[in-house]
Protein backbone atom coordinates (compact mmCIF):
# COMPACT_ATOMS: atom_id res chain seq x y z
CA UNK A 1 -65.97 2.50 120.30
CA UNK A 2 -67.69 5.82 120.98
CA UNK A 3 -64.51 7.69 120.08
CA UNK A 4 -64.28 5.79 116.80
CA UNK A 5 -67.81 6.76 115.96
CA UNK A 6 -67.00 10.40 116.62
CA UNK A 7 -64.00 10.28 114.33
CA UNK A 8 -66.05 8.69 111.56
CA UNK A 9 -68.72 11.34 111.97
CA UNK A 10 -66.19 14.16 111.78
CA UNK A 11 -64.54 12.52 108.77
CA UNK A 12 -67.93 12.14 107.07
CA UNK A 13 -68.74 15.79 107.72
CA UNK A 14 -65.37 16.89 106.37
CA UNK A 15 -65.83 14.67 103.29
CA UNK A 16 -69.29 16.09 102.72
CA UNK A 17 -67.92 19.61 103.01
CA UNK A 18 -65.13 18.89 100.54
CA UNK A 19 -67.48 17.23 98.07
CA UNK A 20 -69.97 20.10 98.42
CA UNK A 21 -67.19 22.60 97.77
CA UNK A 22 -66.11 20.65 94.72
CA UNK A 23 -69.68 20.49 93.41
CA UNK A 24 -70.14 24.22 93.98
CA UNK A 25 -66.84 24.91 92.22
CA UNK A 26 -67.83 22.66 89.31
CA UNK A 27 -71.24 24.36 89.09
CA UNK A 28 -69.74 27.85 89.16
CA UNK A 29 -67.18 26.80 86.55
CA UNK A 30 -69.91 25.38 84.33
CA UNK A 31 -71.96 28.57 84.71
CA UNK A 32 -68.91 30.70 83.94
CA UNK A 33 -68.06 28.65 80.85
CA UNK A 34 -71.68 28.84 79.72
CA UNK A 35 -71.68 32.61 80.16
CA UNK A 36 -68.38 32.91 78.31
CA UNK A 37 -69.67 30.73 75.47
CA UNK A 38 -72.87 32.77 75.32
CA UNK A 39 -70.93 36.04 75.28
CA UNK A 40 -68.61 34.69 72.58
CA UNK A 41 -71.57 33.58 70.44
CA UNK A 42 -73.27 36.94 71.00
CA UNK A 43 -70.04 38.75 70.06
CA UNK A 44 -69.85 36.79 66.81
CA UNK A 45 -73.49 37.54 66.13
CA UNK A 46 -72.90 41.26 66.78
CA UNK A 47 -70.02 41.13 64.29
CA UNK A 48 -72.18 39.58 61.57
CA UNK A 49 -74.93 42.09 62.32
CA UNK A 50 -72.41 44.87 61.69
CA UNK A 51 -71.49 43.14 58.43
CA UNK A 52 -75.20 42.99 57.55
CA UNK A 53 -75.34 46.77 57.88
CA UNK A 54 -72.49 47.17 55.38
CA UNK A 55 -74.22 44.72 53.03
CA UNK A 56 -77.48 46.65 53.31
CA UNK A 57 -75.83 49.91 52.24
CA UNK A 58 -73.97 48.15 49.44
CA UNK A 59 -77.13 46.48 48.11
CA UNK A 60 -79.38 49.55 48.11
CA UNK A 61 -79.37 52.03 45.20
CA UNK A 62 -78.49 55.03 47.33
CA UNK A 63 -75.97 55.74 50.07
CA UNK A 64 -77.73 56.55 53.31
CA UNK A 65 -77.92 55.67 56.97
CA UNK A 66 -79.66 52.38 57.67
CA UNK A 67 -80.90 50.25 60.55
CA UNK A 68 -82.63 46.95 61.01
CA UNK A 69 -82.90 43.68 62.90
CA UNK A 70 -82.14 40.07 62.04
CA UNK A 71 -83.71 37.29 64.05
CA UNK A 72 -85.62 39.50 66.49
CA UNK A 73 -85.53 42.88 68.19
CA UNK A 74 -82.55 41.85 70.34
CA UNK A 75 -80.32 41.55 67.25
CA UNK A 76 -79.90 44.91 65.54
CA UNK A 77 -77.56 46.83 63.26
CA UNK A 78 -77.18 50.56 62.72
CA UNK A 79 -75.26 52.38 59.97
CA UNK A 80 -74.35 56.05 60.27
CA UNK A 81 -74.56 58.35 57.25
CA UNK A 82 -71.65 57.54 54.89
CA UNK A 83 -68.90 60.16 54.73
CA UNK A 84 -67.13 61.09 51.50
CA UNK A 85 -63.38 60.56 51.66
CA UNK A 86 -61.66 63.94 51.34
CA UNK A 87 -60.22 64.62 47.90
CA UNK A 88 -62.34 61.96 46.19
CA UNK A 89 -65.72 61.89 44.46
CA UNK A 90 -66.64 58.22 44.82
CA UNK A 91 -65.02 56.77 47.96
CA UNK A 92 -67.19 56.63 51.06
CA UNK A 93 -66.53 55.66 54.69
CA UNK A 94 -69.36 53.52 56.06
CA UNK A 95 -69.54 52.72 59.80
CA UNK A 96 -71.85 49.93 60.93
CA UNK A 97 -72.50 48.68 64.48
CA UNK A 98 -74.10 45.36 65.36
CA UNK A 99 -75.68 44.98 68.80
CA UNK A 100 -76.94 41.91 70.65
CA UNK A 101 -79.08 42.53 73.73
CA UNK A 102 -79.09 39.78 76.40
CA UNK A 103 -82.04 40.16 78.78
CA UNK A 104 -80.80 40.10 82.39
CA UNK A 105 -81.62 41.49 85.82
CA UNK A 106 -81.23 44.13 87.03
CA UNK A 107 -80.38 45.47 83.55
CA UNK A 108 -79.90 44.05 80.04
CA UNK A 109 -76.40 43.23 78.81
CA UNK A 110 -75.56 44.75 75.42
CA UNK A 111 -72.71 43.37 73.30
CA UNK A 112 -71.64 45.49 70.31
CA UNK A 113 -69.07 45.32 67.54
CA UNK A 114 -68.34 47.97 64.91
CA UNK A 115 -67.08 47.56 61.37
CA UNK A 116 -65.73 50.41 59.22
CA UNK A 117 -65.59 49.91 55.44
CA UNK A 118 -64.57 52.05 52.50
CA UNK A 119 -67.02 51.68 49.62
CA UNK A 120 -66.15 52.74 46.10
CA UNK A 121 -69.07 53.81 43.94
CA UNK A 122 -69.09 53.85 40.14
CA UNK A 123 -67.13 56.37 38.14
CA UNK A 124 -68.84 59.22 36.30
CA UNK A 125 -67.63 59.55 32.72
CA UNK A 126 -69.58 62.24 30.86
CA UNK A 127 -67.25 61.84 27.88
CA UNK A 128 -69.29 58.75 26.98
CA UNK A 129 -72.07 61.18 25.99
CA UNK A 130 -70.37 63.60 23.58
CA UNK A 131 -73.38 64.38 21.37
CA UNK A 132 -76.59 66.32 21.70
CA UNK A 133 -78.29 63.42 19.91
CA UNK A 134 -76.67 60.09 19.04
CA UNK A 135 -78.51 57.42 17.06
CA UNK A 136 -77.75 54.04 15.51
CA UNK A 137 -79.89 54.84 12.45
CA UNK A 138 -80.38 57.81 10.13
CA UNK A 139 -81.28 61.10 11.79
CA UNK A 140 -84.02 62.76 9.78
CA UNK A 141 -84.79 66.41 10.57
CA UNK A 142 -87.86 67.93 8.94
CA UNK A 143 -88.98 71.55 9.13
CA UNK A 144 -87.15 74.74 9.97
CA UNK A 145 -88.43 74.90 13.57
CA UNK A 146 -86.21 72.04 14.75
CA UNK A 147 -82.79 72.99 16.13
CA UNK A 148 -80.06 70.56 17.18
CA UNK A 149 -76.79 71.53 18.83
CA UNK A 150 -73.51 70.45 17.31
CA UNK A 151 -72.10 67.91 17.55
CA UNK A 152 -74.63 65.18 16.81
CA UNK A 153 -74.14 61.75 15.27
CA UNK A 154 -76.18 59.27 13.21
CA UNK A 155 -75.56 55.67 12.13
CA UNK A 156 -73.37 55.21 15.20
CA UNK A 157 -72.59 51.51 15.66
CA UNK A 158 -70.52 52.14 18.80
CA UNK A 159 -73.52 52.87 21.05
CA UNK A 160 -73.38 50.48 23.99
CA UNK A 161 -75.52 50.91 27.09
CA UNK A 162 -73.20 49.18 29.59
CA UNK A 163 -70.14 50.98 28.27
CA UNK A 164 -71.78 54.39 28.41
CA UNK A 165 -73.42 54.11 31.84
CA UNK A 166 -71.00 51.69 33.47
CA UNK A 167 -73.84 49.32 34.50
CA UNK A 168 -75.99 46.82 32.64
CA UNK A 169 -79.57 47.44 31.61
CA UNK A 170 -80.72 44.91 34.21
CA UNK A 171 -78.85 46.74 36.98
CA UNK A 172 -80.18 50.10 35.82
CA UNK A 173 -83.79 48.90 35.81
CA UNK A 174 -83.41 47.20 39.20
CA UNK A 175 -81.99 50.38 40.75
CA UNK A 176 -84.32 52.84 39.03
CA UNK A 177 -86.12 55.48 41.06
CA UNK A 178 -89.29 54.82 39.03
CA UNK A 179 -90.26 51.86 36.85
CA UNK A 180 -93.32 52.28 34.61
CA UNK A 181 -95.01 50.69 31.64
CA UNK A 182 -96.43 52.51 28.63
CA UNK A 183 -99.89 52.12 30.18
CA UNK A 184 -99.17 53.96 33.46
CA UNK A 185 -96.46 56.43 32.45
CA UNK A 186 -98.69 59.40 31.72
CA UNK A 187 -98.48 62.18 34.37
CA UNK A 188 -96.06 60.07 36.45
CA UNK A 189 -93.04 61.64 38.20
CA UNK A 190 -89.83 61.61 36.12
CA UNK A 191 -86.66 62.21 38.13
CA UNK A 192 -83.58 60.35 39.31
CA UNK A 193 -83.59 57.25 37.12
CA UNK A 194 -86.85 56.59 35.29
CA UNK A 195 -87.28 53.32 33.40
CA UNK A 196 -90.26 52.71 31.09
CA UNK A 197 -91.02 49.28 29.62
CA UNK A 198 -93.07 49.47 26.43
CA UNK A 199 -95.08 46.37 25.56
CA UNK A 200 -94.01 44.57 22.39
CA UNK A 201 -95.78 46.04 19.37
CA UNK A 202 -96.75 49.21 21.26
CA UNK A 203 -95.39 52.74 21.07
CA UNK A 204 -95.10 55.02 24.07
CA UNK A 205 -96.87 58.20 22.97
CA UNK A 206 -96.12 61.25 25.09
CA UNK A 207 -98.96 63.48 23.97
CA UNK A 208 -99.38 65.56 27.10
CA UNK A 209 -96.90 67.56 29.15
CA UNK A 210 -93.73 66.01 30.49
CA UNK A 211 -91.28 67.89 32.71
CA UNK A 212 -88.47 65.76 34.02
CA UNK A 213 -84.79 65.40 34.86
CA UNK A 214 -82.12 62.79 35.48
CA UNK A 215 -82.05 59.71 33.27
CA UNK A 216 -85.07 58.58 31.27
CA UNK A 217 -84.73 55.13 29.69
CA UNK A 218 -87.50 54.02 27.35
CA UNK A 219 -87.28 50.31 26.63
CA UNK A 220 -89.25 50.35 23.38
CA UNK A 221 -90.48 52.74 20.70
CA UNK A 222 -91.44 56.27 21.72
CA UNK A 223 -93.19 59.20 20.02
CA UNK A 224 -92.95 62.58 21.73
CA UNK A 225 -95.83 64.55 20.29
CA UNK A 226 -96.70 66.73 23.26
CA UNK A 227 -94.81 69.31 25.32
CA UNK A 228 -91.58 67.91 26.75
CA UNK A 229 -89.02 69.76 28.86
CA UNK A 230 -86.28 67.41 30.03
CA UNK A 231 -82.84 67.98 31.55
CA UNK A 232 -80.39 65.09 31.62
CA UNK A 233 -80.04 61.96 29.49
CA UNK A 234 -82.80 60.37 27.40
CA UNK A 235 -81.88 56.85 26.26
CA UNK A 236 -84.30 55.06 23.93
CA UNK A 237 -83.94 51.33 23.26
CA UNK A 238 -86.07 51.42 20.13
CA UNK A 239 -87.23 53.93 17.53
CA UNK A 240 -87.50 57.60 18.47
CA UNK A 241 -89.74 60.26 16.97
CA UNK A 242 -90.03 63.86 18.20
CA UNK A 243 -92.81 65.93 16.64
CA UNK A 244 -94.13 68.05 19.47
CA UNK A 245 -92.85 71.03 21.42
CA UNK A 246 -89.76 69.27 22.79
CA UNK A 247 -86.82 70.85 24.61
CA UNK A 248 -83.95 68.75 25.94
CA UNK A 249 -80.83 69.87 27.77
CA UNK A 250 -78.18 67.18 28.04
CA UNK A 251 -77.94 64.28 25.62
CA UNK A 252 -80.37 62.08 23.68
CA UNK A 253 -79.39 58.56 22.59
CA UNK A 254 -81.44 56.23 20.38
CA UNK A 255 -80.30 52.59 20.30
CA UNK A 256 -82.50 51.06 17.64
CA UNK A 257 -82.19 47.74 15.87
CA UNK A 258 -85.08 48.68 13.62
CA UNK A 259 -84.78 50.24 10.19
CA UNK A 260 -87.00 53.15 11.20
CA UNK A 261 -85.16 56.48 11.19
CA UNK A 262 -84.80 58.69 14.23
CA UNK A 263 -87.11 61.52 13.19
CA UNK A 264 -87.18 65.08 14.48
CA UNK A 265 -89.74 67.60 13.28
CA UNK A 266 -91.84 70.35 14.74
CA UNK A 267 -90.72 72.74 17.46
CA UNK A 268 -87.88 70.62 18.77
CA UNK A 269 -84.85 72.11 20.52
CA UNK A 270 -82.10 69.62 21.41
CA UNK A 271 -79.31 71.23 23.45
CA UNK A 272 -76.04 69.65 24.52
CA UNK A 273 -75.43 70.41 28.22
CA UNK A 274 -72.44 68.80 29.95
CA UNK A 275 -73.49 69.91 33.43
CA UNK A 276 -76.89 68.22 33.04
CA UNK A 277 -75.19 65.04 31.81
CA UNK A 278 -72.91 64.99 34.85
CA UNK A 279 -75.84 65.60 37.17
CA UNK A 280 -77.79 62.75 35.55
CA UNK A 281 -74.88 60.32 35.77
CA UNK A 282 -74.58 60.96 39.52
CA UNK A 283 -77.72 58.82 39.86
CA UNK A 284 -75.98 55.86 38.22
CA UNK A 285 -72.84 56.27 40.31
CA UNK A 286 -74.58 54.79 43.33
CA UNK A 287 -75.79 51.68 41.50
CA UNK A 288 -72.29 50.23 41.35
CA UNK A 289 -70.54 49.71 44.70
CA UNK A 290 -67.66 47.63 45.96
CA UNK A 291 -65.94 47.36 49.33
CA UNK A 292 -62.26 48.23 48.89
CA UNK A 293 -61.09 48.34 52.52
CA UNK A 294 -62.43 46.88 55.74
CA UNK A 295 -61.50 46.94 59.42
CA UNK A 296 -63.06 46.38 62.80
CA UNK A 297 -63.11 49.42 65.04
């Protein structure tokens, strides 16, 4: 009887040991699967963070390095400065890395994934601006002090903003370096892309001094009666009058649905300058972007 009890005890101990081993194995397996699932989820999150970096560069007006977080400081993306593809003028290599940091002891675990994309920016077509001044209505020049380079064109019904710049007016305004109204435009910086909204029934009067470059879009009527020195493209969506001491180098376009003539008088010097047009259009190039190739590094 005693021997039987001893055998049962040994059997019970062996059974307990086996069951304990199985429980430990099941626990370790569950922990391992949980860690693997967590790492897989973190890897996917790192991938989408890298994608977010590409999207950030694509959405912003310029092309530059970028960084940020999504969902907390442990979920970050970083984009290096885009590199121009050799032999091209509008294809850029963008490298973005997404990183997920998992707090652990003795040190944090970092999971990263990197995406490399080729982004094509808009084309520059200076041939869309072939005139020193181009207007949809009559061009009226008064006085002997006004000089206008050849060629110029009046009553031009082919003027089309989107066709000339390659982007819509909405896109241009949204990506402008500066956006003003006729009430706060005076003495404001004018460079890159400058967009001015003129209130209905008002006229933007530039009576002081204006020195600027790039693209100046006036959405409304404008009267330049002061001293203006501008290099690039002036595009007026309304009536245009120049009566001051105005010098432009590039191209001037007046898209007017009104019957009012485009009037030039006074000391006005309108010069056609292809290099200034090309320089101005470089600002618009970055407003239009599309991803043409993509790969994970």
